[in-house]
């Protein structure tokens, strides 16, 4: 099982989406449930996984800001209106 995960890491670092097809072909007949589940998850959105391998871009920064805003909103729930929430976000030290 460890070999499967390590070779998948190599596929991700290779920036060659064709190696993903080779990896999927190699491990599709495995009896290890976790790898089968992992492969099924990859197949649900294969194009996105291939694009993640192929391109260096990421939405990580944007998702981090969205997460920060949602946490501020949860923190303020029921306390005040939008204006106070906006001020708290604008004056926040964390970005």
N, C-alpha and C. Protein backbone atom coordinates (compact mmCIF):
# COMPACT_ATOMS: atom_id res chain seq x y z
N UNK A 1 0.84 -1.19 0.00
CA UNK A 1 0.00 0.00 0.00
C UNK A 1 0.88 1.25 0.00
N UNK A 2 1.93 1.24 0.76
CA UNK A 2 2.81 2.40 0.83
C UNK A 2 3.42 2.70 -0.54
N UNK A 3 3.77 1.65 -1.28
CA UNK A 3 4.34 1.85 -2.61
C UNK A 3 3.36 2.60 -3.51
N UNK A 4 2.08 2.25 -3.42
CA UNK A 4 1.06 2.92 -4.23
C UNK A 4 0.99 4.41 -3.94
N UNK A 5 1.01 4.76 -2.66
CA UNK A 5 0.96 6.17 -2.30
C UNK A 5 2.24 6.92 -2.68
N UNK A 6 3.37 6.27 -2.49
CA UNK A 6 4.64 6.91 -2.86
C UNK A 6 4.75 7.13 -4.36
N UNK A 7 4.31 6.15 -5.14
CA UNK A 7 4.37 6.33 -6.59
C UNK A 7 3.36 7.37 -7.05
N UNK A 8 2.23 7.50 -6.35
CA UNK A 8 1.29 8.57 -6.70
C UNK A 8 1.90 9.93 -6.43
N UNK A 9 2.64 10.05 -5.36
CA UNK A 9 3.33 11.31 -5.06
C UNK A 9 4.32 11.66 -6.18
N UNK A 10 5.00 10.64 -6.69
CA UNK A 10 5.92 10.86 -7.81
C UNK A 10 5.16 11.32 -9.06
N UNK A 11 3.97 10.77 -9.27
CA UNK A 11 3.14 11.20 -10.40
C UNK A 11 2.78 12.67 -10.26
N UNK A 12 2.38 13.09 -9.07
CA UNK A 12 2.03 14.49 -8.84
C UNK A 12 3.21 15.41 -9.08
N UNK A 13 4.38 15.01 -8.64
CA UNK A 13 5.57 15.84 -8.79
C UNK A 13 6.14 15.82 -10.20
N UNK A 14 5.74 14.85 -11.01
CA UNK A 14 6.31 14.71 -12.35
C UNK A 14 5.78 15.76 -13.33
N UNK A 15 4.61 16.32 -13.05
CA UNK A 15 3.95 17.29 -13.93
C UNK A 15 3.58 16.68 -15.30
N UNK A 16 3.45 15.34 -15.34
CA UNK A 16 3.10 14.62 -16.56
C UNK A 16 1.81 13.87 -16.31
N UNK A 17 0.70 14.37 -16.87
CA UNK A 17 -0.60 13.75 -16.58
C UNK A 17 -0.74 12.36 -17.19
N UNK A 18 0.09 12.02 -18.15
CA UNK A 18 0.04 10.67 -18.73
C UNK A 18 0.50 9.62 -17.73
N UNK A 19 1.37 10.01 -16.82
CA UNK A 19 1.80 9.08 -15.77
C UNK A 19 0.64 8.75 -14.83
N UNK A 20 -0.34 9.66 -14.71
CA UNK A 20 -1.51 9.36 -13.90
C UNK A 20 -2.29 8.21 -14.50
N UNK A 21 -2.47 8.22 -15.82
CA UNK A 21 -3.17 7.12 -16.48
C UNK A 21 -2.45 5.80 -16.25
N UNK A 22 -1.14 5.83 -16.32
CA UNK A 22 -0.35 4.62 -16.08
C UNK A 22 -0.52 4.14 -14.63
N UNK A 23 -0.52 5.08 -13.70
CA UNK A 23 -0.68 4.73 -12.29
C UNK A 23 -2.05 4.13 -12.04
N UNK A 24 -3.09 4.74 -12.61
CA UNK A 24 -4.45 4.22 -12.44
C UNK A 24 -4.57 2.82 -13.02
N UNK A 25 -3.99 2.60 -14.18
CA UNK A 25 -4.02 1.28 -14.81
C UNK A 25 -3.32 0.23 -13.96
N UNK A 26 -2.20 0.60 -13.38
CA UNK A 26 -1.42 -0.33 -12.57
C UNK A 26 -2.16 -0.75 -11.30
N UNK A 27 -2.84 0.20 -10.64
CA UNK A 27 -3.44 -0.08 -9.34
C UNK A 27 -4.95 -0.34 -9.38
N UNK A 28 -5.56 -0.35 -10.56
CA UNK A 28 -7.02 -0.54 -10.60
C UNK A 28 -7.45 -1.94 -10.18
N UNK A 29 -6.58 -2.91 -10.28
CA UNK A 29 -6.94 -4.29 -9.93
C UNK A 29 -6.45 -4.69 -8.53
N UNK A 30 -6.04 -3.73 -7.73
CA UNK A 30 -5.57 -4.03 -6.37
C UNK A 30 -6.72 -4.48 -5.49
N UNK A 31 -6.41 -5.19 -4.44
CA UNK A 31 -7.42 -5.65 -3.48
C UNK A 31 -7.48 -4.74 -2.25
N UNK A 32 -6.64 -3.73 -2.20
CA UNK A 32 -6.60 -2.83 -1.04
C UNK A 32 -7.73 -1.81 -1.16
N UNK A 33 -8.65 -1.85 -0.20
CA UNK A 33 -9.85 -1.02 -0.26
C UNK A 33 -9.55 0.47 -0.28
N UNK A 34 -8.57 0.89 0.48
CA UNK A 34 -8.26 2.33 0.53
C UNK A 34 -7.78 2.85 -0.82
N UNK A 35 -6.97 2.07 -1.50
CA UNK A 35 -6.49 2.50 -2.81
C UNK A 35 -7.64 2.48 -3.82
N UNK A 36 -8.51 1.47 -3.74
CA UNK A 36 -9.68 1.41 -4.63
C UNK A 36 -10.56 2.63 -4.42
N UNK A 37 -10.79 2.99 -3.16
CA UNK A 37 -11.59 4.17 -2.85
C UNK A 37 -10.93 5.44 -3.37
N UNK A 38 -9.62 5.52 -3.22
CA UNK A 38 -8.85 6.66 -3.71
C UNK A 38 -8.96 6.78 -5.23
N UNK A 39 -8.83 5.67 -5.92
CA UNK A 39 -8.94 5.66 -7.38
C UNK A 39 -10.35 6.06 -7.81
N UNK A 40 -11.36 5.58 -7.10
CA UNK A 40 -12.74 5.98 -7.43
C UNK A 40 -12.93 7.48 -7.27
N UNK A 41 -12.33 8.05 -6.23
CA UNK A 41 -12.41 9.50 -6.03
C UNK A 41 -11.72 10.27 -7.14
N UNK A 42 -10.57 9.78 -7.58
CA UNK A 42 -9.86 10.43 -8.68
C UNK A 42 -10.70 10.37 -9.95
N UNK A 43 -11.30 9.22 -10.20
CA UNK A 43 -12.10 9.06 -11.43
C UNK A 43 -13.35 9.94 -11.45
N UNK A 44 -13.84 10.35 -10.28
CA UNK A 44 -15.01 11.22 -10.24
C UNK A 44 -14.72 12.58 -10.87
N UNK A 45 -13.50 13.04 -10.77
CA UNK A 45 -13.13 14.33 -11.36
C UNK A 45 -11.74 14.23 -11.97
N UNK A 46 -11.60 13.33 -12.91
CA UNK A 46 -10.31 13.03 -13.51
C UNK A 46 -9.69 14.24 -14.20
N UNK A 47 -10.51 15.03 -14.87
CA UNK A 47 -9.99 16.19 -15.58
C UNK A 47 -9.36 17.20 -14.61
N UNK A 48 -10.00 17.42 -13.48
CA UNK A 48 -9.45 18.36 -12.49
C UNK A 48 -8.14 17.84 -11.91
N UNK A 49 -8.05 16.54 -11.67
CA UNK A 49 -6.82 15.96 -11.13
C UNK A 49 -5.69 16.10 -12.15
N UNK A 50 -6.01 15.84 -13.41
CA UNK A 50 -4.98 15.98 -14.46
C UNK A 50 -4.53 17.43 -14.59
N UNK A 51 -5.47 18.36 -14.49
CA UNK A 51 -5.10 19.78 -14.55
C UNK A 51 -4.24 20.18 -13.36
N UNK A 52 -4.52 19.61 -12.19
CA UNK A 52 -3.71 19.91 -11.00
C UNK A 52 -2.29 19.41 -11.18
N UNK A 53 -2.13 18.31 -11.90
CA UNK A 53 -0.79 17.78 -12.16
C UNK A 53 -0.09 18.63 -13.21
N UNK A 54 -0.83 19.00 -14.22
CA UNK A 54 -0.25 19.67 -15.39
C UNK A 54 0.12 21.14 -15.13
N UNK A 55 -0.74 21.87 -14.43
CA UNK A 55 -0.55 23.31 -14.27
C UNK A 55 -0.07 23.68 -12.86
N UNK A 56 0.72 24.74 -12.73
CA UNK A 56 1.25 25.12 -11.42
C UNK A 56 0.29 25.99 -10.60
N UNK A 57 -0.86 26.36 -11.14
CA UNK A 57 -1.76 27.28 -10.45
C UNK A 57 -2.57 26.57 -9.38
N UNK A 58 -2.98 27.35 -8.37
CA UNK A 58 -3.76 26.82 -7.27
C UNK A 58 -4.73 27.89 -6.76
N UNK A 59 -5.86 27.45 -6.21
CA UNK A 59 -6.82 28.36 -5.61
C UNK A 59 -6.60 28.46 -4.11
N UNK A 60 -5.50 27.97 -3.63
CA UNK A 60 -5.25 27.90 -2.20
C UNK A 60 -5.33 29.22 -1.48
N UNK A 61 -4.79 30.27 -2.06
CA UNK A 61 -4.81 31.59 -1.41
C UNK A 61 -6.24 32.10 -1.30
N UNK A 62 -6.99 31.98 -2.37
CA UNK A 62 -8.39 32.43 -2.35
C UNK A 62 -9.20 31.64 -1.34
N UNK A 63 -9.02 30.32 -1.33
CA UNK A 63 -9.75 29.48 -0.37
C UNK A 63 -9.38 29.84 1.06
N UNK A 64 -8.14 30.22 1.30
CA UNK A 64 -7.72 30.63 2.63
C UNK A 64 -8.44 31.89 3.08
N UNK A 65 -8.58 32.85 2.16
CA UNK A 65 -9.30 34.09 2.50
C UNK A 65 -10.78 33.81 2.75
N UNK A 66 -11.38 32.95 1.93
CA UNK A 66 -12.79 32.60 2.12
C UNK A 66 -12.98 31.93 3.48
N UNK A 67 -12.07 31.04 3.84
CA UNK A 67 -12.14 30.36 5.13
C UNK A 67 -12.03 31.36 6.28
N UNK A 68 -11.11 32.32 6.15
CA UNK A 68 -10.94 33.34 7.18
C UNK A 68 -12.22 34.17 7.35
N UNK A 69 -12.83 34.56 6.22
CA UNK A 69 -14.06 35.34 6.29
C UNK A 69 -15.21 34.55 6.92
N UNK A 70 -15.31 33.29 6.57
CA UNK A 70 -16.37 32.46 7.15
C UNK A 70 -16.19 32.30 8.66
N UNK A 71 -14.95 32.16 9.09
CA UNK A 71 -14.71 32.06 10.53
C UNK A 71 -15.07 33.35 11.25
N UNK A 72 -14.75 34.49 10.66
CA UNK A 72 -15.14 35.78 11.26
C UNK A 72 -16.66 35.88 11.34
N UNK A 73 -17.33 35.44 10.28
CA UNK A 73 -18.79 35.49 10.26
C UNK A 73 -19.38 34.61 11.37
N UNK A 74 -18.83 33.41 11.54
CA UNK A 74 -19.30 32.53 12.61
C UNK A 74 -19.05 33.15 13.98
N UNK A 75 -17.89 33.77 14.12
CA UNK A 75 -17.52 34.41 15.38
C UNK A 75 -18.50 35.53 15.72
N UNK A 76 -18.99 36.22 14.71
CA UNK A 76 -19.87 37.38 14.93
C UNK A 76 -21.35 37.01 14.90
N UNK A 77 -21.69 35.76 14.65
CA UNK A 77 -23.09 35.36 14.47
C UNK A 77 -23.98 35.85 15.60
N UNK A 78 -25.04 36.55 15.24
CA UNK A 78 -26.03 37.01 16.20
C UNK A 78 -25.63 38.23 17.01
N UNK A 79 -24.47 38.78 16.79
CA UNK A 79 -24.01 39.90 17.61
C UNK A 79 -24.31 41.25 17.00
N UNK A 80 -24.16 41.36 15.70
CA UNK A 80 -24.34 42.67 15.09
C UNK A 80 -24.61 42.50 13.60
N UNK A 81 -24.76 43.59 12.92
CA UNK A 81 -25.06 43.56 11.50
C UNK A 81 -23.83 43.51 10.62
N UNK A 82 -24.07 43.67 9.35
CA UNK A 82 -23.03 43.57 8.34
C UNK A 82 -21.94 44.62 8.54
N UNK A 83 -22.31 45.82 8.92
CA UNK A 83 -21.33 46.90 9.05
C UNK A 83 -20.25 46.57 10.08
N UNK A 84 -20.64 46.02 11.23
CA UNK A 84 -19.65 45.65 12.24
C UNK A 84 -18.78 44.49 11.75
N UNK A 85 -19.38 43.54 11.06
CA UNK A 85 -18.62 42.43 10.49
C UNK A 85 -17.60 42.95 9.49
N UNK A 86 -18.01 43.88 8.63
CA UNK A 86 -17.10 44.46 7.64
C UNK A 86 -15.93 45.15 8.33
N UNK A 87 -16.21 45.92 9.37
CA UNK A 87 -15.14 46.61 10.10
C UNK A 87 -14.18 45.62 10.75
N UNK A 88 -14.73 44.56 11.32
CA UNK A 88 -13.89 43.57 11.97
C UNK A 88 -12.96 42.89 10.96
N UNK A 89 -13.46 42.60 9.77
CA UNK A 89 -12.65 41.97 8.73
C UNK A 89 -11.59 42.94 8.23
N UNK A 90 -11.96 44.19 7.99
CA UNK A 90 -11.02 45.18 7.47
C UNK A 90 -9.91 45.45 8.47
N UNK A 91 -10.24 45.49 9.75
CA UNK A 91 -9.25 45.82 10.78
C UNK A 91 -8.53 44.59 11.34
N UNK A 92 -8.85 43.43 10.82
CA UNK A 92 -8.26 42.19 11.32
C UNK A 92 -6.75 42.16 11.08
N UNK A 93 -6.01 41.61 12.02
CA UNK A 93 -4.55 41.47 11.90
C UNK A 93 -4.17 40.32 10.98
N UNK A 94 -5.06 39.36 10.79
CA UNK A 94 -4.71 38.16 10.05
C UNK A 94 -4.91 38.30 8.54
N UNK A 95 -5.15 39.49 8.06
CA UNK A 95 -5.24 39.68 6.61
C UNK A 95 -6.49 40.21 6.09
